[in-house]
Amino acid sequence: MIHNTIRTRRAVFPPQYNDEKVTKEEIQQILEAANWAPTHRRTEPWRFKVMQGDVQLRFGEFLAERYKTTASNFSEFKYKKYQNNPKNAAAIIAICMQRDPSEAIPEWEEIAATAMAVQNMWLTAHEMNIGAYWSSPQVIDSMSEFFEMNEGERCLGFFYLGKYDETLPDGVRKTTISEKTVWL
């Protein structure tokens, strides 16, 4: 039941991943779920760039070095995290949004549609027992220096994927939905 999948989905971070591979077929299934997200005027703004293998190592080095040269408050811990997280993942999917060239709808709606596509990916990955985590690092605006992007395309983050062994914790919310709802 979808309600159970929604309630039990958790962020599973790269240090929690084991060495088991995520196959191209599994990634394709996750991406296919993304393609069924709601989208205003059917702009389907989501775009994805899948990284596996050696490109992940280059990506980690790029993130770490970009962070080192742009951070106003450098942290060696954060530097190593940028460097190592890509190595620990079975795959990384760059989450991009292609702006409608006619700008017929507000940009926030295309960002929201892309986020809904990622939610579909996350729920599908969870049902497949694949851990996932959406990262939006400080250096995200530099991604056109790492991979080619079309005019009007924007990188919104990175979706890390990996298999894991541990039991995920129960979810908690700070407040109930009734505290966040006004009935008119």
C-alpha atoms as a PDB file:
ATOM      1  CA  MET A   1       0.000   0.000   0.000  1.00  0.00           C
ATOM      2  CA  ILE A   2       1.365   3.425  -0.946  1.00  0.00           C
ATOM      3  CA  HIS A   3       0.633   4.894   2.510  1.00  0.00           C
ATOM      4  CA  ASN A   4       3.064   2.452   4.125  1.00  0.00           C
ATOM      5  CA  THR A   5       5.741   3.214   1.505  1.00  0.00           C
ATOM      6  CA  ILE A   6       5.357   6.944   2.167  1.00  0.00           C
ATOM      7  CA  ARG A   7       5.552   6.501   5.946  1.00  0.00           C
ATOM      8  CA  THR A   8       8.586   4.194   5.926  1.00  0.00           C
ATOM      9  CA  ARG A   9      10.722   5.965   3.304  1.00  0.00           C
ATOM     10  CA  ARG A  10      13.893   7.439   4.794  1.00  0.00           C
ATOM     11  CA  ALA A  11      17.013   9.193   3.608  1.00  0.00           C
ATOM     12  CA  VAL A  12      19.766   6.587   3.428  1.00  0.00           C
ATOM     13  CA  PHE A  13      23.155   8.276   3.224  1.00  0.00           C
ATOM     14  CA  PRO A  14      26.222   7.121   1.233  1.00  0.00           C
ATOM     15  CA  PRO A  15      28.197   5.946   4.313  1.00  0.00           C
ATOM     16  CA  GLN A  16      25.313   3.499   4.975  1.00  0.00           C
ATOM     17  CA  TYR A  17      25.556   1.843   1.533  1.00  0.00           C
ATOM     18  CA  ASN A  18      27.073  -1.599   1.097  1.00  0.00           C
ATOM     19  CA  ASP A  19      29.102  -2.738  -1.932  1.00  0.00           C
ATOM     20  CA  GLU A  20      26.163  -4.284  -3.813  1.00  0.00           C
ATOM     21  CA  LYS A  21      25.597  -2.798  -7.264  1.00  0.00           C
ATOM     22  CA  VAL A  22      22.465  -1.004  -8.410  1.00  0.00           C
ATOM     23  CA  THR A  23      21.834  -2.243 -11.937  1.00  0.00           C
ATOM     24  CA  LYS A  24      21.061  -0.172 -14.993  1.00  0.00           C
ATOM     25  CA  GLU A  25      17.636  -1.878 -15.093  1.00  0.00           C
ATOM     26  CA  GLU A  26      16.917  -0.825 -11.492  1.00  0.00           C
ATOM     27  CA  ILE A  27      17.961   2.758 -12.256  1.00  0.00           C
ATOM     28  CA  GLN A  28      15.800   2.712 -15.387  1.00  0.00           C
ATOM     29  CA  GLN A  29      12.796   1.589 -13.298  1.00  0.00           C
ATOM     30  CA  ILE A  30      13.427   4.422 -10.816  1.00  0.00           C
ATOM     31  CA  LEU A  31      13.705   6.961 -13.643  1.00  0.00           C
ATOM     32  CA  GLU A  32      10.529   5.637 -15.300  1.00  0.00           C
ATOM     33  CA  ALA A  33       8.644   6.363 -12.061  1.00  0.00           C
ATOM     34  CA  ALA A  34       9.984   9.932 -12.205  1.00  0.00           C
ATOM     35  CA  ASN A  35       8.540  10.380 -15.650  1.00  0.00           C
ATOM     36  CA  TRP A  36       4.998   9.942 -14.289  1.00  0.00           C
ATOM     37  CA  ALA A  37       5.123  12.963 -11.987  1.00  0.00           C
ATOM     38  CA  PRO A  38       2.433  15.627 -12.347  1.00  0.00           C
ATOM     39  CA  THR A  39       3.427  18.520 -14.583  1.00  0.00           C
ATOM     40  CA  HIS A  40       1.541  21.702 -15.432  1.00  0.00           C
ATOM     41  CA  ARG A  41       0.957  22.071 -19.181  1.00  0.00           C
ATOM     42  CA  ARG A  42       2.926  18.849 -19.632  1.00  0.00           C
ATOM     43  CA  THR A  43       6.269  20.641 -19.743  1.00  0.00           C
ATOM     44  CA  GLU A  44       7.905  17.567 -18.099  1.00  0.00           C
ATOM     45  CA  PRO A  45      10.818  19.722 -16.899  1.00  0.00           C
ATOM     46  CA  TRP A  46      12.813  16.982 -15.130  1.00  0.00           C
ATOM     47  CA  ARG A  47      16.137  15.988 -16.627  1.00  0.00           C
ATOM     48  CA  PHE A  48      18.587  13.447 -15.238  1.00  0.00           C
ATOM     49  CA  LYS A  49      22.257  12.664 -15.702  1.00  0.00           C
ATOM     50  CA  VAL A  50      23.282   9.233 -14.369  1.00  0.00           C
ATOM     51  CA  MET A  51      26.794   8.761 -13.011  1.00  0.00           C
ATOM     52  CA  GLN A  52      28.328   5.358 -12.323  1.00  0.00           C
ATOM     53  CA  GLY A  53      31.893   4.085 -12.120  1.00  0.00           C
ATOM     54  CA  ASP A  54      34.934   6.283 -12.743  1.00  0.00           C
ATOM     55  CA  VAL A  55      32.867   9.415 -13.345  1.00  0.00           C
ATOM     56  CA  GLN A  56      31.795   9.220  -9.689  1.00  0.00           C
ATOM     57  CA  LEU A  57      35.423   9.529  -8.577  1.00  0.00           C
ATOM     58  CA  ARG A  58      35.948  12.532 -10.856  1.00  0.00           C
ATOM     59  CA  PHE A  59      32.674  13.997  -9.567  1.00  0.00           C
ATOM     60  CA  GLY A  60      33.824  13.636  -5.947  1.00  0.00           C
ATOM     61  CA  GLU A  61      37.126  15.336  -6.727  1.00  0.00           C
ATOM     62  CA  PHE A  62      35.316  18.122  -8.590  1.00  0.00           C
ATOM     63  CA  LEU A  63      32.905  18.724  -5.676  1.00  0.00           C
ATOM     64  CA  ALA A  64      35.699  18.711  -3.097  1.00  0.00           C
ATOM     65  CA  GLU A  65      37.980  21.050  -5.052  1.00  0.00           C
ATOM     66  CA  ARG A  66      35.152  23.422  -5.965  1.00  0.00           C
ATOM     67  CA  TYR A  67      34.145  23.531  -2.299  1.00  0.00           C
ATOM     68  CA  LYS A  68      37.759  24.191  -1.263  1.00  0.00           C
ATOM     69  CA  THR A  69      38.099  27.151  -3.627  1.00  0.00           C
ATOM     70  CA  THR A  70      34.703  28.725  -2.869  1.00  0.00           C
ATOM     71  CA  ALA A  71      33.981  28.025   0.823  1.00  0.00           C
ATOM     72  CA  SER A  72      34.022  31.067   3.046  1.00  0.00           C
ATOM     73  CA  ASN A  73      34.308  28.843   6.121  1.00  0.00           C
ATOM     74  CA  PHE A  74      36.317  25.796   4.959  1.00  0.00           C
ATOM     75  CA  SER A  75      35.851  22.522   6.827  1.00  0.00           C
ATOM     76  CA  GLU A  76      38.148  19.540   6.262  1.00  0.00           C
ATOM     77  CA  PHE A  77      35.260  17.258   7.322  1.00  0.00           C
ATOM     78  CA  LYS A  78      32.992  18.711   4.628  1.00  0.00           C
ATOM     79  CA  TYR A  79      35.801  18.523   2.055  1.00  0.00           C
ATOM     80  CA  LYS A  80      36.243  14.783   2.737  1.00  0.00           C
ATOM     81  CA  LYS A  81      32.466  14.279   2.626  1.00  0.00           C
ATOM     82  CA  TYR A  82      32.282  15.858  -0.836  1.00  0.00           C
ATOM     83  CA  GLN A  83      35.168  13.666  -1.920  1.00  0.00           C
ATOM     84  CA  ASN A  84      33.969  10.361  -0.415  1.00  0.00           C
ATOM     85  CA  ASN A  85      30.170  10.331  -0.764  1.00  0.00           C
ATOM     86  CA  PRO A  86      30.306   9.770  -4.532  1.00  0.00           C
ATOM     87  CA  LYS A  87      32.704   6.827  -3.995  1.00  0.00           C
ATOM     88  CA  ASN A  88      30.303   5.201  -1.539  1.00  0.00           C
ATOM     89  CA  ALA A  89      27.273   5.355  -3.838  1.00  0.00           C
ATOM     90  CA  ALA A  90      26.328   2.696  -6.372  1.00  0.00           C
ATOM     91  CA  ALA A  91      25.061   5.500  -8.627  1.00  0.00           C
ATOM     92  CA  ILE A  92      24.406   9.228  -8.549  1.00  0.00           C
ATOM     93  CA  ILE A  93      21.696  10.916 -10.564  1.00  0.00           C
ATOM     94  CA  ALA A  94      22.039  14.637 -11.176  1.00  0.00           C
ATOM     95  CA  ILE A  95      18.582  16.181 -10.771  1.00  0.00           C
ATOM     96  CA  CYS A  96      18.087  18.921 -13.331  1.00  0.00           C
ATOM     97  CA  MET A  97      15.180  21.099 -14.390  1.00  0.00           C
ATOM     98  CA  GLN A  98      14.741  22.336 -17.952  1.00  0.00           C
ATOM     99  CA  ARG A  99      12.939  25.657 -17.951  1.00  0.00           C
ATOM    100  CA  ASP A 100      10.129  25.939 -20.492  1.00  0.00           C
ATOM    101  CA  PRO A 101      11.629  28.197 -23.208  1.00  0.00           C
ATOM    102  CA  SER A 102       8.403  30.193 -23.504  1.00  0.00           C
ATOM    103  CA  GLU A 103       8.256  30.607 -19.709  1.00  0.00           C
ATOM    104  CA  ALA A 104       4.508  29.984 -19.990  1.00  0.00           C
ATOM    105  CA  ILE A 105       4.303  28.830 -16.381  1.00  0.00           C
ATOM    106  CA  PRO A 106       6.102  30.106 -13.268  1.00  0.00           C
ATOM    107  CA  GLU A 107       9.545  28.619 -12.664  1.00  0.00           C
ATOM    108  CA  TRP A 108       8.518  27.445  -9.186  1.00  0.00           C
ATOM    109  CA  GLU A 109       5.937  25.138 -10.791  1.00  0.00           C
ATOM    110  CA  GLU A 110       8.633  23.476 -12.891  1.00  0.00           C
ATOM    111  CA  ILE A 111      10.860  23.127  -9.834  1.00  0.00           C
ATOM    112  CA  ALA A 112       7.894  21.635  -7.943  1.00  0.00           C
ATOM    113  CA  ALA A 113       7.203  19.188 -10.799  1.00  0.00           C
ATOM    114  CA  THR A 114      10.849  18.117 -10.742  1.00  0.00           C
ATOM    115  CA  ALA A 115      10.667  17.636  -6.966  1.00  0.00           C
ATOM    116  CA  MET A 116       7.570  15.468  -7.452  1.00  0.00           C
ATOM    117  CA  ALA A 117       9.503  13.407  -9.991  1.00  0.00           C
ATOM    118  CA  VAL A 118      12.224  12.917  -7.376  1.00  0.00           C
ATOM    119  CA  GLN A 119       9.616  11.889  -4.793  1.00  0.00           C
ATOM    120  CA  ASN A 120       8.420   9.220  -7.255  1.00  0.00           C
ATOM    121  CA  MET A 121      12.045   8.091  -7.619  1.00  0.00           C
ATOM    122  CA  TRP A 122      12.526   7.977  -3.867  1.00  0.00           C
ATOM    123  CA  LEU A 123       9.367   5.970  -3.213  1.00  0.00           C
ATOM    124  CA  THR A 124      10.218   3.535  -6.008  1.00  0.00           C
ATOM    125  CA  ALA A 125      13.794   3.095  -4.773  1.00  0.00           C
ATOM    126  CA  HIS A 126      12.477   2.484  -1.255  1.00  0.00           C
ATOM    127  CA  GLU A 127      10.099  -0.206  -2.482  1.00  0.00           C
ATOM    128  CA  MET A 128      13.079  -1.827  -4.259  1.00  0.00           C
ATOM    129  CA  ASN A 129      15.139  -1.745  -1.002  1.00  0.00           C
ATOM    130  CA  ILE A 130      17.534   0.761  -2.524  1.00  0.00           C
ATOM    131  CA  GLY A 131      18.627   3.599  -0.273  1.00  0.00           C
ATOM    132  CA  ALA A 132      18.449   7.129  -1.595  1.00  0.00           C
ATOM    133  CA  TYR A 133      19.422  10.634  -0.548  1.00  0.00           C
ATOM    134  CA  TRP A 134      18.882  14.007  -2.251  1.00  0.00           C
ATOM    135  CA  SER A 135      21.891  16.259  -1.768  1.00  0.00           C
ATOM    136  CA  SER A 136      21.974  19.949  -2.724  1.00  0.00           C
ATOM    137  CA  PRO A 137      25.546  21.057  -2.019  1.00  0.00           C
ATOM    138  CA  GLN A 138      26.718  24.664  -1.913  1.00  0.00           C
ATOM    139  CA  VAL A 139      28.638  24.183  -5.155  1.00  0.00           C
ATOM    140  CA  ILE A 140      25.553  23.220  -7.172  1.00  0.00           C
ATOM    141  CA  ASP A 141      25.697  26.358  -9.310  1.00  0.00           C
ATOM    142  CA  SER A 142      29.050  25.199 -10.732  1.00  0.00           C
ATOM    143  CA  MET A 143      27.742  22.005 -12.322  1.00  0.00           C
ATOM    144  CA  SER A 144      27.865  23.312 -15.883  1.00  0.00           C
ATOM    145  CA  GLU A 145      31.647  23.089 -15.432  1.00  0.00           C
ATOM    146  CA  PHE A 146      31.388  19.342 -14.794  1.00  0.00           C
ATOM    147  CA  PHE A 147      28.749  18.219 -17.278  1.00  0.00           C
ATOM    148  CA  GLU A 148      27.050  19.774 -20.249  1.00  0.00           C
ATOM    149  CA  MET A 149      23.781  21.549 -19.613  1.00  0.00           C
ATOM    150  CA  ASN A 150      21.311  22.966 -22.102  1.00  0.00           C
ATOM    151  CA  GLU A 151      20.321  26.601 -22.137  1.00  0.00           C
ATOM    152  CA  GLY A 152      17.666  27.083 -19.461  1.00  0.00           C
ATOM    153  CA  GLU A 153      18.660  23.878 -17.655  1.00  0.00           C
ATOM    154  CA  ARG A 154      19.464  24.104 -13.965  1.00  0.00           C
ATOM    155  CA  CYS A 155      20.896  21.515 -11.570  1.00  0.00           C
ATOM    156  CA  LEU A 156      18.811  21.133  -8.402  1.00  0.00           C
ATOM    157  CA  GLY A 157      20.816  18.438  -6.649  1.00  0.00           C
ATOM    158  CA  PHE A 158      22.101  14.912  -6.682  1.00  0.00           C
ATOM    159  CA  PHE A 159      20.198  11.715  -5.949  1.00  0.00           C
ATOM    160  CA  TYR A 160      22.582   9.211  -4.383  1.00  0.00           C
ATOM    161  CA  LEU A 161      21.614   5.524  -4.638  1.00  0.00           C
ATOM    162  CA  GLY A 162      22.950   2.443  -2.882  1.00  0.00           C
ATOM    163  CA  LYS A 163      21.902  -0.833  -1.351  1.00  0.00           C
ATOM    164  CA  TYR A 164      22.087  -1.079   2.413  1.00  0.00           C
ATOM    165  CA  ASP A 165      21.913  -3.696   5.173  1.00  0.00           C
ATOM    166  CA  GLU A 166      20.737  -1.895   8.287  1.00  0.00           C
ATOM    167  CA  THR A 167      17.174  -1.501   9.504  1.00  0.00           C
ATOM    168  CA  LEU A 168      15.913   2.031   9.003  1.00  0.00           C
ATOM    169  CA  PRO A 169      14.601   3.911  12.050  1.00  0.00           C
ATOM    170  CA  ASP A 170      10.957   4.727  12.561  1.00  0.00           C
ATOM    171  CA  GLY A 171       9.912   8.117  11.295  1.00  0.00           C
ATOM    172  CA  VAL A 172       8.924  11.005  13.510  1.00  0.00           C
ATOM    173  CA  ARG A 173       7.291  14.358  12.932  1.00  0.00           C
ATOM    174  CA  LYS A 174       7.637  17.340  15.259  1.00  0.00           C
ATOM    175  CA  THR A 175       3.938  18.117  15.083  1.00  0.00           C
ATOM    176  CA  THR A 176       0.759  16.436  13.933  1.00  0.00           C
ATOM    177  CA  ILE A 177      -0.981  17.309  10.694  1.00  0.00           C
ATOM    178  CA  SER A 178      -3.839  18.853  12.684  1.00  0.00           C
ATOM    179  CA  GLU A 179      -1.364  21.450  13.996  1.00  0.00           C
ATOM    180  CA  LYS A 180      -0.532  22.376  10.398  1.00  0.00           C
ATOM    181  CA  THR A 181      -4.059  22.461   9.037  1.00  0.00           C
ATOM    182  CA  VAL A 182      -6.785  25.095   9.109  1.00  0.00           C
ATOM    183  CA  TRP A 183     -10.249  23.934   8.076  1.00  0.00           C
ATOM    184  CA  LEU A 184     -12.281  26.723   6.504  1.00  0.00           C
END
